[in-house]
Every structure is written in C-alpha cells, then in structure tokens.
C-alpha cells in the first residue's frame, strides 16, 4: 500500500536545473522516484544544465 502524506509532511526534492526545492504532488504519486524537475520550464531547459557541468541524471 502506498504511503499517505499529510500537507504538513510532504517529501521534497531539489530541481536539477534551478536548484529550488519542490514538494510531492498527487499527480506524481506513481512516479515520484523518476521526477527530477520542478516544472515544464525546467524540464525544457535541462540541456542548459548539462552544458554547465551539472549531472542531469
């Protein structure tokens, strides 16, 4: 059974492109481990992160 989260206890990750923290969303409940970017804008800009030497993986 999936873990239940309360609004005050949501897991966080840092975006690989902008470095900002972002919280779990319900739409990511089945793929949270694969989520790496906070927004579509950062996902589109991921190639610029690899050019600066950051690891996009």
PDB file of N, CA and C in Angstrom:
ATOM      1  N   UNK A   1       0.844  -1.181   0.000  1.00  0.00           N
ATOM      2  CA  UNK A   1       0.000   0.000   0.000  1.00  0.00           C
ATOM      3  C   UNK A   1       0.889   1.244   0.000  1.00  0.00           C
ATOM      4  N   UNK A   2       0.497   2.253  -0.730  1.00  0.00           N
ATOM      5  CA  UNK A   2       1.277   3.479  -0.853  1.00  0.00           C
ATOM      6  C   UNK A   2       1.256   4.262   0.455  1.00  0.00           C
ATOM      7  N   UNK A   3       2.335   4.987   0.685  1.00  0.00           N
ATOM      8  CA  UNK A   3       2.435   5.799   1.880  1.00  0.00           C
ATOM      9  C   UNK A   3       1.547   7.020   1.743  1.00  0.00           C
ATOM     10  N   UNK A   4       0.838   7.361   2.802  1.00  0.00           N
ATOM     11  CA  UNK A   4      -0.028   8.544   2.784  1.00  0.00           C
ATOM     12  C   UNK A   4       0.723   9.718   3.369  1.00  0.00           C
ATOM     13  N   UNK A   5       0.551  10.878   2.762  1.00  0.00           N
ATOM     14  CA  UNK A   5       1.205  12.085   3.223  1.00  0.00           C
ATOM     15  C   UNK A   5       0.163  13.094   3.656  1.00  0.00           C
ATOM     16  N   UNK A   6       0.491  13.857   4.674  1.00  0.00           N
ATOM     17  CA  UNK A   6      -0.348  14.992   5.052  1.00  0.00           C
ATOM     18  C   UNK A   6       0.276  16.252   4.449  1.00  0.00           C
ATOM     19  N   UNK A   7      -0.487  17.317   4.376  1.00  0.00           N
ATOM     20  CA  UNK A   7       0.031  18.538   3.768  1.00  0.00           C
ATOM     21  C   UNK A   7       1.251  19.072   4.502  1.00  0.00           C
ATOM     22  N   UNK A   8       1.323  18.843   5.786  1.00  0.00           N
ATOM     23  CA  UNK A   8       2.456  19.349   6.550  1.00  0.00           C
ATOM     24  C   UNK A   8       3.665  18.425   6.489  1.00  0.00           C
ATOM     25  N   UNK A   9       3.500  17.239   5.872  1.00  0.00           N
ATOM     26  CA  UNK A   9       4.578  16.263   5.847  1.00  0.00           C
ATOM     27  C   UNK A   9       4.775  15.696   4.437  1.00  0.00           C
ATOM     28  N   UNK A  10       4.988  16.574   3.455  1.00  0.00           N
ATOM     29  CA  UNK A  10       5.198  16.132   2.082  1.00  0.00           C
ATOM     30  C   UNK A  10       6.692  16.006   1.802  1.00  0.00           C
ATOM     31  N   UNK A  11       7.098  14.971   1.063  1.00  0.00           N
ATOM     32  CA  UNK A  11       8.517  14.858   0.724  1.00  0.00           C
ATOM     33  C   UNK A  11       8.931  15.950  -0.257  1.00  0.00           C
ATOM     34  N   UNK A  12      10.205  16.301  -0.214  1.00  0.00           N
ATOM     35  CA  UNK A  12      10.739  17.339  -1.083  1.00  0.00           C
ATOM     36  C   UNK A  12      11.928  16.826  -1.858  1.00  0.00           C
ATOM     37  N   UNK A  13      12.165  17.458  -3.006  1.00  0.00           N
ATOM     38  CA  UNK A  13      13.355  17.227  -3.816  1.00  0.00           C
ATOM     39  C   UNK A  13      13.841  18.586  -4.294  1.00  0.00           C
ATOM     40  N   UNK A  14      15.079  18.640  -4.765  1.00  0.00           N
ATOM     41  CA  UNK A  14      15.604  19.851  -5.378  1.00  0.00           C
ATOM     42  C   UNK A  14      15.632  19.647  -6.883  1.00  0.00           C
ATOM     43  N   UNK A  15      15.204  20.668  -7.607  1.00  0.00           N
ATOM     44  CA  UNK A  15      15.194  20.632  -9.065  1.00  0.00           C
ATOM     45  C   UNK A  15      16.626  20.598  -9.577  1.00  0.00           C
ATOM     46  N   UNK A  16      16.905  19.769 -10.572  1.00  0.00           N
ATOM     47  CA  UNK A  16      18.246  19.644 -11.122  1.00  0.00           C
ATOM     48  C   UNK A  16      18.664  20.857 -11.949  1.00  0.00           C
ATOM     49  N   UNK A  17      17.711  21.641 -12.434  1.00  0.00           N
ATOM     50  CA  UNK A  17      18.032  22.786 -13.277  1.00  0.00           C
ATOM     51  C   UNK A  17      18.158  24.060 -12.447  1.00  0.00           C
ATOM     52  N   UNK A  18      17.123  24.408 -11.691  1.00  0.00           N
ATOM     53  CA  UNK A  18      17.133  25.677 -10.960  1.00  0.00           C
ATOM     54  C   UNK A  18      17.594  25.529  -9.516  1.00  0.00           C
ATOM     55  N   UNK A  19      17.578  24.306  -8.995  1.00  0.00           N
ATOM     56  CA  UNK A  19      18.045  24.078  -7.634  1.00  0.00           C
ATOM     57  C   UNK A  19      17.019  24.378  -6.557  1.00  0.00           C
ATOM     58  N   UNK A  20      15.828  24.799  -6.934  1.00  0.00           N
ATOM     59  CA  UNK A  20      14.795  25.119  -5.953  1.00  0.00           C
ATOM     60  C   UNK A  20      14.151  23.844  -5.419  1.00  0.00           C
ATOM     61  N   UNK A  21      13.766  23.855  -4.151  1.00  0.00           N
ATOM     62  CA  UNK A  21      13.047  22.696  -3.615  1.00  0.00           C
ATOM     63  C   UNK A  21      11.602  22.687  -4.115  1.00  0.00           C
ATOM     64  N   UNK A  22      11.090  21.490  -4.361  1.00  0.00           N
ATOM     65  CA  UNK A  22       9.682  21.363  -4.720  1.00  0.00           C
ATOM     66  C   UNK A  22       9.111  20.161  -3.988  1.00  0.00           C
ATOM     67  N   UNK A  23       7.811  20.213  -3.736  1.00  0.00           N
ATOM     68  CA  UNK A  23       7.149  19.181  -2.945  1.00  0.00           C
ATOM     69  C   UNK A  23       6.380  18.206  -3.820  1.00  0.00           C
ATOM     70  N   UNK A  24       6.115  17.065  -3.230  1.00  0.00           N
ATOM     71  CA  UNK A  24       5.347  15.991  -3.854  1.00  0.00           C
ATOM     72  C   UNK A  24       3.979  16.507  -4.264  1.00  0.00           C
ATOM     73  N   UNK A  25       3.509  16.033  -5.424  1.00  0.00           N
ATOM     74  CA  UNK A  25       2.158  16.328  -5.900  1.00  0.00           C
ATOM     75  C   UNK A  25       1.420  15.027  -6.118  1.00  0.00           C
ATOM     76  N   UNK A  26       0.125  15.094  -5.994  1.00  0.00           N
ATOM     77  CA  UNK A  26      -0.682  13.887  -6.151  1.00  0.00           C
ATOM     78  C   UNK A  26      -0.499  13.264  -7.530  1.00  0.00           C
ATOM     79  N   UNK A  27      -0.343  14.097  -8.576  1.00  0.00           N
ATOM     80  CA  UNK A  27      -0.189  13.554  -9.932  1.00  0.00           C
ATOM     81  C   UNK A  27       1.125  12.791 -10.083  1.00  0.00           C
ATOM     82  N   UNK A  28       2.075  12.988  -9.150  1.00  0.00           N
ATOM     83  CA  UNK A  28       3.354  12.284  -9.188  1.00  0.00           C
ATOM     84  C   UNK A  28       3.364  11.069  -8.271  1.00  0.00           C
ATOM     85  N   UNK A  29       2.227  10.654  -7.733  1.00  0.00           N
ATOM     86  CA  UNK A  29       2.219   9.583  -6.730  1.00  0.00           C
ATOM     87  C   UNK A  29       2.762   8.265  -7.266  1.00  0.00           C
ATOM     88  N   UNK A  30       2.583   7.972  -8.545  1.00  0.00           N
ATOM     89  CA  UNK A  30       3.053   6.709  -9.111  1.00  0.00           C
ATOM     90  C   UNK A  30       4.462   6.799  -9.686  1.00  0.00           C
ATOM     91  N   UNK A  31       5.004   8.004  -9.834  1.00  0.00           N
ATOM     92  CA  UNK A  31       6.319   8.150 -10.466  1.00  0.00           C
ATOM     93  C   UNK A  31       7.228   9.118  -9.717  1.00  0.00           C
ATOM     94  N   UNK A  32       7.031   9.299  -8.428  1.00  0.00           N
ATOM     95  CA  UNK A  32       7.808  10.267  -7.646  1.00  0.00           C
ATOM     96  C   UNK A  32       9.309  10.014  -7.727  1.00  0.00           C
ATOM     97  N   UNK A  33       9.729   8.762  -7.800  1.00  0.00           N
ATOM     98  CA  UNK A  33      11.158   8.443  -7.875  1.00  0.00           C
ATOM     99  C   UNK A  33      11.789   8.944  -9.171  1.00  0.00           C
ATOM    100  N   UNK A  34      11.011   9.050 -10.247  1.00  0.00           N
ATOM    101  CA  UNK A  34      11.539   9.484 -11.536  1.00  0.00           C
ATOM    102  C   UNK A  34      11.464  10.998 -11.743  1.00  0.00           C
ATOM    103  N   UNK A  35      10.715  11.712 -10.906  1.00  0.00           N
ATOM    104  CA  UNK A  35      10.553  13.164 -11.064  1.00  0.00           C
ATOM    105  C   UNK A  35      11.864  13.849 -10.705  1.00  0.00           C
ATOM    106  N   UNK A  36      12.352  14.703 -11.614  1.00  0.00           N
ATOM    107  CA  UNK A  36      13.628  15.387 -11.398  1.00  0.00           C
ATOM    108  C   UNK A  36      13.535  16.892 -11.540  1.00  0.00           C
ATOM    109  N   UNK A  37      12.456  17.398 -12.164  1.00  0.00           N
ATOM    110  CA  UNK A  37      12.342  18.818 -12.441  1.00  0.00           C
ATOM    111  C   UNK A  37      11.082  19.371 -11.786  1.00  0.00           C
ATOM    112  N   UNK A  38      11.142  20.628 -11.353  1.00  0.00           N
ATOM    113  CA  UNK A  38      10.012  21.224 -10.642  1.00  0.00           C
ATOM    114  C   UNK A  38       8.896  21.677 -11.577  1.00  0.00           C
ATOM    115  N   UNK A  39       9.221  21.891 -12.860  1.00  0.00           N
ATOM    116  CA  UNK A  39       8.219  22.423 -13.785  1.00  0.00           C
ATOM    117  C   UNK A  39       8.547  22.028 -15.217  1.00  0.00           C
ATOM    118  N   UNK A  40       7.600  22.265 -16.103  1.00  0.00           N
ATOM    119  CA  UNK A  40       7.840  22.009 -17.523  1.00  0.00           C
ATOM    120  C   UNK A  40       8.934  22.928 -18.051  1.00  0.00           C
ATOM    121  N   UNK A  41       8.986  24.145 -17.535  1.00  0.00           N
ATOM    122  CA  UNK A  41      10.023  25.070 -17.979  1.00  0.00           C
ATOM    123  C   UNK A  41      11.419  24.519 -17.664  1.00  0.00           C
ATOM    124  N   UNK A  42      11.623  23.992 -16.473  1.00  0.00           N
ATOM    125  CA  UNK A  42      12.929  23.421 -16.117  1.00  0.00           C
ATOM    126  C   UNK A  42      13.202  22.150 -16.913  1.00  0.00           C
ATOM    127  N   UNK A  43      12.168  21.377 -17.176  1.00  0.00           N
ATOM    128  CA  UNK A  43      12.358  20.164 -17.974  1.00  0.00           C
ATOM    129  C   UNK A  43      12.830  20.521 -19.376  1.00  0.00           C
ATOM    130  N   UNK A  44      12.271  21.597 -19.961  1.00  0.00           N
ATOM    131  CA  UNK A  44      12.700  22.039 -21.291  1.00  0.00           C
ATOM    132  C   UNK A  44      14.113  22.612 -21.262  1.00  0.00           C
ATOM    133  N   UNK A  45      14.511  23.199 -20.156  1.00  0.00           N
ATOM    134  CA  UNK A  45      15.831  23.827 -20.041  1.00  0.00           C
ATOM    135  C   UNK A  45      16.903  22.851 -19.551  1.00  0.00           C
ATOM    136  N   UNK A  46      16.593  21.572 -19.443  1.00  0.00           N
ATOM    137  CA  UNK A  46      17.544  20.611 -18.881  1.00  0.00           C
ATOM    138  C   UNK A  46      18.833  20.504 -19.682  1.00  0.00           C
ATOM    139  N   UNK A  47      18.797  20.789 -20.983  1.00  0.00           N
ATOM    140  CA  UNK A  47      20.016  20.717 -21.780  1.00  0.00           C
ATOM    141  C   UNK A  47      20.995  21.807 -21.368  1.00  0.00           C
ATOM    142  N   UNK A  48      20.509  22.944 -20.930  1.00  0.00           N
ATOM    143  CA  UNK A  48      21.405  24.011 -20.477  1.00  0.00           C
ATOM    144  C   UNK A  48      22.090  23.620 -19.172  1.00  0.00           C
ATOM    145  N   UNK A  49      21.446  22.810 -18.357  1.00  0.00           N
ATOM    146  CA  UNK A  49      22.061  22.350 -17.105  1.00  0.00           C
ATOM    147  C   UNK A  49      23.211  21.398 -17.406  1.00  0.00           C
ATOM    148  N   UNK A  50      23.093  20.594 -18.437  1.00  0.00           N
ATOM    149  CA  UNK A  50      24.170  19.663 -18.778  1.00  0.00           C
ATOM    150  C   UNK A  50      25.358  20.406 -19.385  1.00  0.00           C
ATOM    151  N   UNK A  51      25.115  21.551 -20.003  1.00  0.00           N
ATOM    152  CA  UNK A  51      26.198  22.339 -20.583  1.00  0.00           C
ATOM    153  C   UNK A  51      27.011  23.041 -19.490  1.00  0.00           C
ATOM    154  N   UNK A  52      26.412  23.297 -18.337  1.00  0.00           N
ATOM    155  CA  UNK A  52      27.117  23.969 -17.256  1.00  0.00           C
ATOM    156  C   UNK A  52      27.879  23.004 -16.379  1.00  0.00           C
ATOM    157  N   UNK A  53      27.788  21.710 -16.670  1.00  0.00           N
ATOM    158  CA  UNK A  53      28.551  20.720 -15.934  1.00  0.00           C
ATOM    159  C   UNK A  53      27.743  19.962 -14.891  1.00  0.00           C
ATOM    160  N   UNK A  54      26.461  20.274 -14.736  1.00  0.00           N
ATOM    161  CA  UNK A  54      25.642  19.547 -13.786  1.00  0.00           C
ATOM    162  C   UNK A  54      25.257  18.207 -14.388  1.00  0.00           C
ATOM    163  N   UNK A  55      25.015  17.237 -13.532  1.00  0.00           N
ATOM    164  CA  UNK A  55      24.645  15.902 -13.978  1.00  0.00           C
ATOM    165  C   UNK A  55      23.131  15.808 -14.064  1.00  0.00           C
ATOM    166  N   UNK A  56      22.522  15.697 -15.256  1.00  0.00           N
ATOM    167  CA  UNK A  56      21.064  15.662 -15.377  1.00  0.00           C
ATOM    168  C   UNK A  56      20.453  14.339 -14.954  1.00  0.00           C
ATOM    169  N   UNK A  57      21.218  13.328 -14.706  1.00  0.00           N
ATOM    170  CA  UNK A  57      20.678  12.014 -14.323  1.00  0.00           C
ATOM    171  C   UNK A  57      20.331  11.937 -12.916  1.00  0.00           C
TER     172      UNK A  57
END
